[in-house]
C-alpha atoms as a PDB file:
ATOM      1  CA  MET A   1     -23.978 -14.988  -6.618  1.00  0.00           C
ATOM      2  CA  GLY A   2     -23.809 -11.196  -6.351  1.00  0.00           C
ATOM      3  CA  PRO A   3     -20.884  -9.257  -4.952  1.00  0.00           C
ATOM      4  CA  GLN A   4     -20.300  -9.314  -1.218  1.00  0.00           C
ATOM      5  CA  ILE A   5     -19.646  -5.911   0.342  1.00  0.00           C
ATOM      6  CA  LYS A   6     -18.148  -5.607   3.801  1.00  0.00           C
ATOM      7  CA  THR A   7     -16.174  -2.924   5.602  1.00  0.00           C
ATOM      8  CA  TYR A   8     -13.010  -3.533   7.560  1.00  0.00           C
ATOM      9  CA  LEU A   9     -11.849  -0.613   9.735  1.00  0.00           C
ATOM     10  CA  GLY A  10     -13.458   1.839   7.334  1.00  0.00           C
ATOM     11  CA  MET A  11     -12.102   0.201   4.175  1.00  0.00           C
ATOM     12  CA  PRO A  12     -14.810  -1.327   1.938  1.00  0.00           C
ATOM     13  CA  ALA A  13     -14.291  -4.796   0.489  1.00  0.00           C
ATOM     14  CA  VAL A  14     -16.190  -5.568  -2.715  1.00  0.00           C
ATOM     15  CA  VAL A  15     -15.763  -9.276  -3.346  1.00  0.00           C
ATOM     16  CA  SER A  16     -17.307 -11.477  -6.018  1.00  0.00           C
ATOM     17  CA  SER A  17     -14.613 -13.972  -7.007  1.00  0.00           C
ATOM     18  CA  ALA A  18     -14.274 -17.361  -5.336  1.00  0.00           C
ATOM     19  CA  ALA A  19     -10.569 -16.700  -4.739  1.00  0.00           C
ATOM     20  CA  MET A  20     -11.177 -13.573  -2.645  1.00  0.00           C
ATOM     21  CA  ARG A  21     -14.104 -15.108  -0.779  1.00  0.00           C
ATOM     22  CA  GLN A  22     -11.897 -18.040   0.220  1.00  0.00           C
ATOM     23  CA  LEU A  23      -9.054 -15.701   1.203  1.00  0.00           C
ATOM     24  CA  LEU A  24     -11.311 -13.654   3.490  1.00  0.00           C
ATOM     25  CA  GLU A  25     -12.702 -16.838   5.031  1.00  0.00           C
ATOM     26  CA  LEU A  26      -9.129 -17.975   5.721  1.00  0.00           C
ATOM     27  CA  ALA A  27      -8.265 -14.562   7.193  1.00  0.00           C
ATOM     28  CA  GLU A  28     -11.255 -14.861   9.520  1.00  0.00           C
ATOM     29  CA  ARG A  29     -10.091 -18.278  10.739  1.00  0.00           C
ATOM     30  CA  ILE A  30      -6.480 -17.350  11.396  1.00  0.00           C
ATOM     31  CA  ALA A  31      -7.510 -14.066  13.014  1.00  0.00           C
ATOM     32  CA  GLN A  32      -8.526 -15.976  16.140  1.00  0.00           C
ATOM     33  CA  THR A  33      -4.884 -16.891  16.796  1.00  0.00           C
ATOM     34  CA  ASN A  34      -1.972 -14.667  17.821  1.00  0.00           C
ATOM     35  CA  ALA A  35       0.277 -15.884  14.999  1.00  0.00           C
ATOM     36  CA  ALA A  36       2.183 -13.308  12.960  1.00  0.00           C
ATOM     37  CA  VAL A  37       0.805 -13.004   9.435  1.00  0.00           C
ATOM     38  CA  LEU A  38       2.763 -12.179   6.270  1.00  0.00           C
ATOM     39  CA  ILE A  39       0.649 -10.996   3.343  1.00  0.00           C
ATOM     40  CA  THR A  40       2.219 -11.096  -0.106  1.00  0.00           C
ATOM     41  CA  GLY A  41       1.027  -9.875  -3.479  1.00  0.00           C
ATOM     42  CA  GLU A  42       1.588  -7.329  -6.199  1.00  0.00           C
ATOM     43  CA  SER A  43       1.350  -3.608  -5.549  1.00  0.00           C
ATOM     44  CA  GLY A  44      -2.240  -2.395  -5.391  1.00  0.00           C
ATOM     45  CA  CYS A  45      -3.883  -5.826  -5.136  1.00  0.00           C
ATOM     46  CA  GLY A  46      -5.457  -5.313  -1.686  1.00  0.00           C
ATOM     47  CA  LYS A  47      -2.939  -6.506   0.917  1.00  0.00           C
ATOM     48  CA  GLU A  48      -3.960  -3.829   3.426  1.00  0.00           C
ATOM     49  CA  LEU A  49      -7.590  -4.891   3.098  1.00  0.00           C
ATOM     50  CA  ILE A  50      -6.681  -8.431   4.147  1.00  0.00           C
ATOM     51  CA  ALA A  51      -4.588  -7.096   7.036  1.00  0.00           C
ATOM     52  CA  ARG A  52      -7.534  -5.031   8.247  1.00  0.00           C
ATOM     53  CA  ALA A  53      -9.786  -8.074   7.957  1.00  0.00           C
ATOM     54  CA  VAL A  54      -7.416 -10.050  10.190  1.00  0.00           C
ATOM     55  CA  HIS A  55      -7.657  -7.366  12.890  1.00  0.00           C
ATOM     56  CA  HIS A  56     -11.424  -6.995  12.387  1.00  0.00           C
ATOM     57  CA  TYR A  57     -12.034 -10.698  13.055  1.00  0.00           C
ATOM     58  CA  SER A  58      -9.417 -11.070  15.810  1.00  0.00           C
ATOM     59  CA  LEU A  59      -9.866 -11.122  19.574  1.00  0.00           C
ATOM     60  CA  ARG A  60      -7.956  -7.816  19.534  1.00  0.00           C
ATOM     61  CA  CYS A  61     -10.561  -6.033  17.416  1.00  0.00           C
ATOM     62  CA  ALA A  62     -11.501  -3.649  20.249  1.00  0.00           C
ATOM     63  CA  LYS A  63      -7.855  -2.711  20.762  1.00  0.00           C
ATOM     64  CA  PRO A  64      -5.678  -0.367  18.661  1.00  0.00           C
ATOM     65  CA  TRP A  65      -4.987  -0.837  14.963  1.00  0.00           C
ATOM     66  CA  VAL A  66      -1.767   0.933  13.952  1.00  0.00           C
ATOM     67  CA  ASP A  67      -0.401   0.878  10.418  1.00  0.00           C
ATOM     68  CA  VAL A  68       2.811   2.181   8.896  1.00  0.00           C
ATOM     69  CA  SER A  69       4.523   1.941   5.519  1.00  0.00           C
ATOM     70  CA  CYS A  70       8.163   1.019   6.069  1.00  0.00           C
ATOM     71  CA  ALA A  71       9.011   2.502   2.659  1.00  0.00           C
ATOM     72  CA  ALA A  72       7.472   5.856   3.597  1.00  0.00           C
ATOM     73  CA  LEU A  73       9.754   6.357   6.599  1.00  0.00           C
ATOM     74  CA  PRO A  74      13.208   7.846   5.996  1.00  0.00           C
ATOM     75  CA  GLU A  75      15.843   5.366   7.164  1.00  0.00           C
ATOM     76  CA  HIS A  76      17.064   7.595  10.003  1.00  0.00           C
ATOM     77  CA  LEU A  77      13.533   7.830  11.447  1.00  0.00           C
ATOM     78  CA  VAL A  78      12.472   4.181  11.296  1.00  0.00           C
ATOM     79  CA  GLU A  79      13.808   3.269  14.746  1.00  0.00           C
ATOM     80  CA  SER A  80      12.394   6.334  16.504  1.00  0.00           C
ATOM     81  CA  GLU A  81       8.988   5.863  14.852  1.00  0.00           C
ATOM     82  CA  LEU A  82       8.709   2.168  15.680  1.00  0.00           C
ATOM     83  CA  PHE A  83      10.226   2.223  19.161  1.00  0.00           C
ATOM     84  CA  GLY A  84       9.851   5.837  20.311  1.00  0.00           C
ATOM     85  CA  TYR A  85      12.304   8.187  21.975  1.00  0.00           C
ATOM     86  CA  GLU A  86      12.887  10.134  25.165  1.00  0.00           C
ATOM     87  CA  LYS A  87      13.235  13.888  25.526  1.00  0.00           C
ATOM     88  CA  GLY A  88      16.700  14.991  24.452  1.00  0.00           C
ATOM     89  CA  ALA A  89      17.489  11.732  22.646  1.00  0.00           C
ATOM     90  CA  PHE A  90      18.532  13.740  19.578  1.00  0.00           C
ATOM     91  CA  SER A  91      18.368  17.267  18.238  1.00  0.00           C
ATOM     92  CA  GLY A  92      14.712  18.293  18.015  1.00  0.00           C
ATOM     93  CA  ALA A  93      13.447  15.731  20.538  1.00  0.00           C
ATOM     94  CA  ASP A  94      11.780  18.331  22.760  1.00  0.00           C
ATOM     95  CA  SER A  95       9.521  15.811  24.464  1.00  0.00           C
ATOM     96  CA  ALA A  96       9.213  12.059  24.820  1.00  0.00           C
ATOM     97  CA  LYS A  97       7.255  10.157  22.184  1.00  0.00           C
ATOM     98  CA  PRO A  98       5.933   6.586  22.361  1.00  0.00           C
ATOM     99  CA  GLY A  99       6.706   4.389  19.373  1.00  0.00           C
ATOM    100  CA  LEU A 100       4.200   2.620  17.161  1.00  0.00           C
ATOM    101  CA  PHE A 101       4.712  -0.630  19.055  1.00  0.00           C
ATOM    102  CA  GLU A 102       3.597   1.070  22.273  1.00  0.00           C
ATOM    103  CA  LEU A 103       0.634   2.683  20.542  1.00  0.00           C
ATOM    104  CA  ALA A 104      -0.442  -0.736  19.274  1.00  0.00           C
ATOM    105  CA  HIS A 105      -0.190  -2.404  22.708  1.00  0.00           C
ATOM    106  CA  GLN A 106      -2.710  -5.279  22.964  1.00  0.00           C
ATOM    107  CA  GLY A 107      -3.772  -4.563  19.380  1.00  0.00           C
ATOM    108  CA  THR A 108      -2.352  -5.029  15.881  1.00  0.00           C
ATOM    109  CA  LEU A 109       0.612  -3.350  14.184  1.00  0.00           C
ATOM    110  CA  PHE A 110       0.550  -3.509  10.384  1.00  0.00           C
ATOM    111  CA  LEU A 111       3.989  -3.175   8.790  1.00  0.00           C
ATOM    112  CA  ASP A 112       3.431  -2.497   5.100  1.00  0.00           C
ATOM    113  CA  GLU A 113       6.326  -2.882   2.643  1.00  0.00           C
ATOM    114  CA  VAL A 114       8.339  -4.687   5.317  1.00  0.00           C
ATOM    115  CA  GLY A 115      10.936  -5.706   2.724  1.00  0.00           C
ATOM    116  CA  GLU A 116      12.220  -2.114   2.765  1.00  0.00           C
ATOM    117  CA  LEU A 117      13.667  -2.416   6.289  1.00  0.00           C
ATOM    118  CA  GLU A 118      17.443  -2.113   6.411  1.00  0.00           C
ATOM    119  CA  PRO A 119      19.475  -4.912   8.113  1.00  0.00           C
ATOM    120  CA  ARG A 120      19.989  -3.207  11.496  1.00  0.00           C
ATOM    121  CA  MET A 121      16.263  -2.638  11.920  1.00  0.00           C
ATOM    122  CA  GLN A 122      15.553  -6.218  10.874  1.00  0.00           C
ATOM    123  CA  VAL A 123      17.619  -7.402  13.869  1.00  0.00           C
ATOM    124  CA  LYS A 124      15.814  -5.154  16.339  1.00  0.00           C
ATOM    125  CA  LEU A 125      12.398  -6.058  14.932  1.00  0.00           C
ATOM    126  CA  LEU A 126      13.184  -9.754  15.289  1.00  0.00           C
ATOM    127  CA  ARG A 127      14.091  -9.321  18.968  1.00  0.00           C
ATOM    128  CA  VAL A 128      10.856  -7.476  19.702  1.00  0.00           C
ATOM    129  CA  LEU A 129       8.813 -10.120  17.862  1.00  0.00           C
ATOM    130  CA  ASP A 130      10.485 -12.728  20.054  1.00  0.00           C
ATOM    131  CA  GLY A 131       9.171 -10.900  23.118  1.00  0.00           C
ATOM    132  CA  VAL A 132      12.376  -9.147  24.164  1.00  0.00           C
ATOM    133  CA  ALA A 133      11.823  -5.809  25.926  1.00  0.00           C
ATOM    134  CA  TYR A 134      13.467  -2.812  24.281  1.00  0.00           C
ATOM    135  CA  TYR A 135      14.580   0.746  25.044  1.00  0.00           C
ATOM    136  CA  ARG A 136      13.217   3.874  23.479  1.00  0.00           C
ATOM    137  CA  LEU A 137      15.940   5.955  21.850  1.00  0.00           C
ATOM    138  CA  GLY A 138      17.749   7.677  24.706  1.00  0.00           C
ATOM    139  CA  GLY A 139      15.758   5.671  27.235  1.00  0.00           C
ATOM    140  CA  VAL A 140      16.896   3.955  30.427  1.00  0.00           C
ATOM    141  CA  ARG A 141      13.726   1.954  31.107  1.00  0.00           C
ATOM    142  CA  LYS A 142      12.834  -1.103  29.073  1.00  0.00           C
ATOM    143  CA  VAL A 143       9.471  -1.253  27.324  1.00  0.00           C
ATOM    144  CA  SER A 144       7.457  -4.467  27.001  1.00  0.00           C
ATOM    145  CA  VAL A 145       4.530  -4.706  24.594  1.00  0.00           C
ATOM    146  CA  ASP A 146       1.879  -7.218  23.606  1.00  0.00           C
ATOM    147  CA  VAL A 147       1.370  -6.693  19.885  1.00  0.00           C
ATOM    148  CA  ARG A 148       0.238  -8.875  17.031  1.00  0.00           C
ATOM    149  CA  VAL A 149       2.264  -8.036  13.928  1.00  0.00           C
ATOM    150  CA  VAL A 150       0.805  -8.320  10.451  1.00  0.00           C
ATOM    151  CA  ALA A 151       3.284  -7.546   7.672  1.00  0.00           C
ATOM    152  CA  ALA A 152       2.914  -7.133   3.923  1.00  0.00           C
ATOM    153  CA  THR A 153       5.242  -6.949   0.957  1.00  0.00           C
ATOM    154  CA  ASN A 154       5.155  -6.875  -2.827  1.00  0.00           C
ATOM    155  CA  GLN A 155       8.723  -8.149  -2.957  1.00  0.00           C
ATOM    156  CA  ASP A 156      10.004 -11.710  -3.208  1.00  0.00           C
ATOM    157  CA  LEU A 157      11.301 -12.139   0.334  1.00  0.00           C
ATOM    158  CA  GLU A 158      12.466 -15.699  -0.348  1.00  0.00           C
ATOM    159  CA  ARG A 159      14.761 -14.369  -3.081  1.00  0.00           C
ATOM    160  CA  MET A 160      15.905 -11.570  -0.762  1.00  0.00           C
ATOM    161  CA  VAL A 161      16.757 -14.175   1.880  1.00  0.00           C
ATOM    162  CA  ARG A 162      18.850 -16.095  -0.654  1.00  0.00           C
ATOM    163  CA  THR A 163      20.709 -12.929  -1.682  1.00  0.00           C
ATOM    164  CA  GLY A 164      21.269 -11.841   1.913  1.00  0.00           C
ATOM    165  CA  GLU A 165      19.037  -8.747   1.678  1.00  0.00           C
ATOM    166  CA  PHE A 166      16.539 -10.041   4.236  1.00  0.00           C
ATOM    167  CA  ARG A 167      17.175 -12.131   7.336  1.00  0.00           C
ATOM    168  CA  SER A 168      15.900 -15.691   7.078  1.00  0.00           C
ATOM    169  CA  ASP A 169      15.023 -15.821  10.798  1.00  0.00           C
ATOM    170  CA  LEU A 170      12.924 -12.647  10.512  1.00  0.00           C
ATOM    171  CA  TYR A 171      11.252 -13.957   7.375  1.00  0.00           C
ATOM    172  CA  HIS A 172      10.168 -17.141   9.150  1.00  0.00           C
ATOM    173  CA  ARG A 173       9.125 -15.203  12.268  1.00  0.00           C
ATOM    174  CA  LEU A 174       6.944 -12.806  10.264  1.00  0.00           C
ATOM    175  CA  GLY A 175       5.525 -15.565   8.110  1.00  0.00           C
ATOM    176  CA  GLN A 176       4.160 -17.926  10.730  1.00  0.00           C
ATOM    177  CA  ILE A 177       1.099 -17.776   8.496  1.00  0.00           C
ATOM    178  CA  CYS A 178       1.437 -16.584   4.890  1.00  0.00           C
ATOM    179  CA  LEU A 179      -1.445 -15.255   2.820  1.00  0.00           C
ATOM    180  CA  ARG A 180      -1.121 -14.475  -0.881  1.00  0.00           C
ATOM    181  CA  VAL A 181      -3.500 -11.929  -2.395  1.00  0.00           C
ATOM    182  CA  PRO A 182      -4.056 -12.795  -6.071  1.00  0.00           C
ATOM    183  CA  PRO A 183      -3.649 -10.019  -8.649  1.00  0.00           C
ATOM    184  CA  LEU A 184      -6.803  -8.661 -10.222  1.00  0.00           C
ATOM    185  CA  ARG A 185      -6.145 -10.485 -13.510  1.00  0.00           C
ATOM    186  CA  GLU A 186      -6.477 -13.791 -11.626  1.00  0.00           C
ATOM    187  CA  ARG A 187      -9.890 -12.848 -10.185  1.00  0.00           C
ATOM    188  CA  SER A 188     -11.684 -11.324 -13.128  1.00  0.00           C
ATOM    189  CA  ASP A 189     -15.079 -11.740 -11.442  1.00  0.00           C
ATOM    190  CA  ASP A 190     -14.115  -8.848  -9.149  1.00  0.00           C
ATOM    191  CA  ILE A 191     -13.359  -6.342 -11.930  1.00  0.00           C
ATOM    192  CA  VAL A 192     -16.857  -5.143 -12.818  1.00  0.00           C
ATOM    193  CA  PRO A 193     -18.269  -5.074  -9.230  1.00  0.00           C
ATOM    194  CA  LEU A 194     -15.225  -3.081  -8.111  1.00  0.00           C
ATOM    195  CA  ALA A 195     -15.470  -0.707 -11.077  1.00  0.00           C
ATOM    196  CA  GLU A 196     -19.164  -0.084 -10.447  1.00  0.00           C
ATOM    197  CA  HIS A 197     -18.457   0.534  -6.755  1.00  0.00           C
ATOM    198  CA  PHE A 198     -15.755   3.100  -7.570  1.00  0.00           C
ATOM    199  CA  LEU A 199     -17.993   4.746 -10.180  1.00  0.00           C
ATOM    200  CA  LYS A 200     -20.827   5.073  -7.679  1.00  0.00           C
ATOM    201  CA  GLN A 201     -18.439   6.786  -5.286  1.00  0.00           C
ATOM    202  CA  SER A 202     -17.326   9.258  -7.974  1.00  0.00           C
ATOM    203  CA  ASN A 203     -20.641   9.933  -9.726  1.00  0.00           C
ATOM    204  CA  PRO A 204     -23.721   7.890  -8.721  1.00  0.00           C
ATOM    205  CA  ARG A 205     -25.555   8.847 -11.925  1.00  0.00           C
ATOM    206  CA  SER A 206     -22.876   7.561 -14.321  1.00  0.00           C
ATOM    207  CA  PHE A 207     -22.867   4.091 -15.844  1.00  0.00           C
ATOM    208  CA  PHE A 208     -20.592   1.956 -18.031  1.00  0.00           C
ATOM    209  CA  SER A 209     -21.390   1.105 -21.634  1.00  0.00           C
ATOM    210  CA  GLY A 210     -21.299  -2.561 -22.623  1.00  0.00           C
ATOM    211  CA  GLU A 211     -18.161  -1.855 -24.627  1.00  0.00           C
ATOM    212  CA  ALA A 212     -16.447  -0.345 -21.572  1.00  0.00           C
ATOM    213  CA  LEU A 213     -17.332  -3.384 -19.462  1.00  0.00           C
ATOM    214  CA  GLN A 214     -15.849  -5.707 -22.091  1.00  0.00           C
ATOM    215  CA  ALA A 215     -12.695  -3.589 -22.305  1.00  0.00           C
ATOM    216  CA  MET A 216     -12.228  -3.766 -18.535  1.00  0.00           C
ATOM    217  CA  ARG A 217     -12.650  -7.537 -18.530  1.00  0.00           C
ATOM    218  CA  ARG A 218     -10.046  -7.916 -21.297  1.00  0.00           C
ATOM    219  CA  TYR A 219      -7.475  -5.575 -19.727  1.00  0.00           C
ATOM    220  CA  SER A 220      -4.660  -7.153 -17.677  1.00  0.00           C
ATOM    221  CA  TRP A 221      -4.689  -4.528 -14.867  1.00  0.00           C
ATOM    222  CA  PRO A 222      -0.944  -4.477 -14.077  1.00  0.00           C
ATOM    223  CA  GLY A 223      -1.653  -1.892 -11.334  1.00  0.00           C
ATOM    224  CA  ASN A 224      -4.427  -4.069  -9.879  1.00  0.00           C
ATOM    225  CA  VAL A 225      -7.276  -2.612  -7.800  1.00  0.00           C
ATOM    226  CA  ARG A 226      -5.450   0.686  -7.269  1.00  0.00           C
ATOM    227  CA  GLU A 227      -5.170   1.184 -11.023  1.00  0.00           C
ATOM    228  CA  LEU A 228      -8.826   0.248 -11.541  1.00  0.00           C
ATOM    229  CA  ARG A 229      -9.947   2.785  -8.948  1.00  0.00           C
ATOM    230  CA  ASN A 230      -7.824   5.556 -10.434  1.00  0.00           C
ATOM    231  CA  ILE A 231      -8.956   4.888 -14.004  1.00  0.00           C
ATOM    232  CA  VAL A 232     -12.638   4.789 -13.059  1.00  0.00           C
ATOM    233  CA  THR A 233     -12.306   7.980 -11.015  1.00  0.00           C
ATOM    234  CA  LYS A 234     -10.623   9.814 -13.894  1.00  0.00           C
ATOM    235  CA  ALA A 235     -13.157   8.506 -16.415  1.00  0.00           C
ATOM    236  CA  ALA A 236     -16.052   9.716 -14.263  1.00  0.00           C
ATOM    237  CA  VAL A 237     -14.556  13.201 -14.322  1.00  0.00           C
ATOM    238  CA  LEU A 238     -13.469  13.340 -17.976  1.00  0.00           C
ATOM    239  CA  ALA A 239     -16.351  11.514 -19.700  1.00  0.00           C
ATOM    240  CA  ARG A 240     -18.392  13.574 -22.163  1.00  0.00           C
ATOM    241  CA  ASP A 241     -21.677  12.474 -20.592  1.00  0.00           C
ATOM    242  CA  LEU A 242     -23.026  10.061 -17.992  1.00  0.00           C
ATOM    243  CA  GLU A 243     -22.236   6.981 -20.085  1.00  0.00           C
ATOM    244  CA  ILE A 244     -18.631   5.865 -19.564  1.00  0.00           C
ATOM    245  CA  ARG A 245     -17.248   4.482 -22.845  1.00  0.00           C
ATOM    246  CA  SER A 246     -14.082   2.483 -23.363  1.00  0.00           C
ATOM    247  CA  ASP A 247     -12.247   5.444 -24.902  1.00  0.00           C
ATOM    248  CA  ASP A 248     -13.036   7.506 -21.772  1.00  0.00           C
ATOM    249  CA  MET A 249     -10.941   5.061 -19.754  1.00  0.00           C
ATOM    250  CA  MET A 250      -7.779   5.251 -21.912  1.00  0.00           C
ATOM    251  CA  LEU A 251      -6.597   1.875 -20.645  1.00  0.00           C
ATOM    252  CA  GLY A 252      -3.590   1.488 -22.938  1.00  0.00           C
ATOM    253  CA  GLN A 253      -2.371   5.042 -22.416  1.00  0.00           C
ATOM    254  CA  VAL A 254      -2.598   4.795 -18.645  1.00  0.00           C
ATOM    255  CA  ASN A 255      -0.707   1.508 -18.764  1.00  0.00           C
ATOM    256  CA  VAL A 256       2.195   3.049 -20.678  1.00  0.00           C
ATOM    257  CA  GLU A 257       2.460   5.917 -18.213  1.00  0.00           C
ATOM    258  CA  ARG A 258       2.195   3.668 -15.186  1.00  0.00           C
ATOM    259  CA  GLU A 259       4.875   1.263 -16.396  1.00  0.00           C
ATOM    260  CA  TYR A 260       7.269   4.070 -17.156  1.00  0.00           C
ATOM    261  CA  VAL A 261       6.654   5.892 -13.893  1.00  0.00           C
ATOM    262  CA  GLN A 262       7.370   2.672 -11.975  1.00  0.00           C
ATOM    263  CA  SER A 263      10.582   1.969 -13.898  1.00  0.00           C
ATOM    264  CA  SER A 264      13.895   3.169 -12.527  1.00  0.00           C
ATOM    265  CA  GLY A 265      15.955   2.756 -15.688  1.00  0.00           C
ATOM    266  CA  ALA A 266      17.044   5.289 -18.251  1.00  0.00           C
ATOM    267  CA  VAL A 267      14.673   6.714 -20.856  1.00  0.00           C
ATOM    268  CA  PRO A 268      14.768   4.589 -24.031  1.00  0.00           C
ATOM    269  CA  SER A 269      16.574   6.450 -26.768  1.00  0.00           C
ATOM    270  CA  ASN A 270      13.785   5.805 -29.248  1.00  0.00           C
ATOM    271  CA  SER A 271      11.160   7.306 -26.911  1.00  0.00           C
ATOM    272  CA  PRO A 272      12.297  10.875 -26.175  1.00  0.00           C
ATOM    273  CA  ASN A 273       8.875  11.960 -24.888  1.00  0.00           C
ATOM    274  CA  LEU A 274       8.607   9.399 -22.118  1.00  0.00           C
ATOM    275  CA  ASP A 275      10.482  11.470 -19.556  1.00  0.00           C
ATOM    276  CA  GLY A 276       8.089  14.355 -20.176  1.00  0.00           C
ATOM    277  CA  MET A 277       5.118  11.991 -19.889  1.00  0.00           C
ATOM    278  CA  GLU A 278       6.448  10.728 -16.566  1.00  0.00           C
ATOM    279  CA  LYS A 279       7.047  14.216 -15.228  1.00  0.00           C
ATOM    280  CA  ASN A 280       3.614  15.507 -16.294  1.00  0.00           C
ATOM    281  CA  THR A 281       1.884  12.501 -14.757  1.00  0.00           C
ATOM    282  CA  ILE A 282       3.700  12.841 -11.434  1.00  0.00           C
ATOM    283  CA  LEU A 283       3.115  16.595 -11.159  1.00  0.00           C
ATOM    284  CA  LYS A 284      -0.582  16.268 -12.074  1.00  0.00           C
ATOM    285  CA  VAL A 285      -1.170  13.621  -9.412  1.00  0.00           C
ATOM    286  CA  LEU A 286       0.789  15.645  -6.862  1.00  0.00           C
ATOM    287  CA  ALA A 287      -1.412  18.669  -7.587  1.00  0.00           C
ATOM    288  CA  GLN A 288      -4.568  16.529  -7.264  1.00  0.00           C
ATOM    289  CA  THR A 289      -3.443  15.429  -3.788  1.00  0.00           C
ATOM    290  CA  ASN A 290      -2.614  19.028  -2.765  1.00  0.00           C
ATOM    291  CA  GLY A 291       1.031  18.126  -2.305  1.00  0.00           C
ATOM    292  CA  HIS A 292       0.444  15.035  -0.129  1.00  0.00           C
ATOM    293  CA  GLN A 293       3.410  12.988  -1.314  1.00  0.00           C
ATOM    294  CA  GLN A 294       2.501   9.682   0.333  1.00  0.00           C
ATOM    295  CA  ARG A 295      -0.995   9.778  -1.185  1.00  0.00           C
ATOM    296  CA  ALA A 296       0.443  10.766  -4.573  1.00  0.00           C
ATOM    297  CA  ALA A 297       2.925   7.890  -4.429  1.00  0.00           C
ATOM    298  CA  GLU A 298       0.105   5.434  -3.692  1.00  0.00           C
ATOM    299  CA  LEU A 299      -1.934   6.708  -6.640  1.00  0.00           C
ATOM    300  CA  LEU A 300       1.088   6.467  -8.938  1.00  0.00           C
ATOM    301  CA  GLY A 301       1.969   2.977  -7.722  1.00  0.00           C
ATOM    302  CA  ILE A 302       5.514   3.930  -6.670  1.00  0.00           C
ATOM    303  CA  SER A 303       7.281   4.193  -3.323  1.00  0.00           C
ATOM    304  CA  ARG A 304       7.482   7.399  -1.349  1.00  0.00           C
ATOM    305  CA  ARG A 305      11.263   7.398  -1.745  1.00  0.00           C
ATOM    306  CA  THR A 306      11.040   7.108  -5.528  1.00  0.00           C
ATOM    307  CA  LEU A 307       8.637  10.040  -5.657  1.00  0.00           C
ATOM    308  CA  SER A 308      10.938  12.178  -3.507  1.00  0.00           C
ATOM    309  CA  ARG A 309      13.859  11.396  -5.794  1.00  0.00           C
ATOM    310  CA  LYS A 310      11.860  12.373  -8.878  1.00  0.00           C
ATOM    311  CA  LEU A 311      10.694  15.658  -7.347  1.00  0.00           C
ATOM    312  CA  LYS A 312      14.265  16.619  -6.488  1.00  0.00           C
ATOM    313  CA  LEU A 313      15.153  16.162 -10.164  1.00  0.00           C
ATOM    314  CA  TYR A 314      12.278  18.410 -11.276  1.00  0.00           C
ATOM    315  CA  GLY A 315      13.147  21.229  -8.857  1.00  0.00           C
ATOM    316  CA  ARG A 316      10.975  23.385  -6.625  1.00  0.00           C
ATOM    317  CA  GLU A 317       9.822  25.718  -9.404  1.00  0.00           C
ATOM    318  CA  ALA A 318       8.310  22.910 -11.492  1.00  0.00           C
ATOM    319  CA  VAL A 319       6.492  21.533  -8.471  1.00  0.00           C
ATOM    320  CA  ARG A 320       5.217  24.985  -7.508  1.00  0.00           C
ATOM    321  CA  GLN A 321       3.894  25.615 -11.036  1.00  0.00           C
ATOM    322  CA  SER A 322       2.026  22.285 -10.991  1.00  0.00           C
ATOM    323  CA  TYR A 323      -0.111  23.585  -8.094  1.00  0.00           C
ATOM    324  CA  ALA A 324      -0.823  26.847  -9.890  1.00  0.00           C
ATOM    325  CA  SER A 325      -1.862  25.238 -13.185  1.00  0.00           C
END
């Protein structure tokens, strides 16, 4: 059976494996309900795709789809972004602004990286999910919304509940239905169809050698679909000719960089060049995205906060030079 290609809210889904076909079929069935959905899985495996499929198949499909990454919002802005504010609520609030819940009224609100919410916001989110009306920041009139919430996380929320980092009542409220997206290494039938789709997007005339196809099938893809897309895109640009060979993809080298960039520990003493490798990788990706930090963080497989912290360490001059190079 050949790959199945569908589009959900503008995001293409290239599916060949039985596991992903079954997951999309399940998403289609549960979409007809109003139950909250919690989607779990490793970073880059396709959680947002499944969330979009739920909205696409739901009775709310003609209503708004609103998505937000909880990790991308600074902590002091989470409440005002989700619930809105009135004019004069704080310094700089020159006019009233509806929150994301209001914008998603009668539609779907996708909360990505929901495990990043701090405890106070977890309480307020739980109340809204239970149907309690809320105030905008600085508001005097309560707001009631009809929103279906779909949340996603790459964290172990059950462990976070046990350690007190995440509220158990919110976890159970968000996870009325839980969907797990398998990592790419568990659905190897999707690797080649996805790679060929990404290659066609980058350079329709290019093609993979047999050796490159074998190398992709053998590779463990720790960064999942996001890593596959990035590697194929780079290979299409850097390859010596239209045939993409295994050495054009640099799978092992990319893996080393990705693992180190994602780590938050100190540089190993026996690997003095790793900090330079990390810095060069981050600045190159930032330049490729024209300074769009959220997009750069997604390509690197790290959170927006981690990227901001790294850039502060490098200083403005290093970042400025990366654009000029």
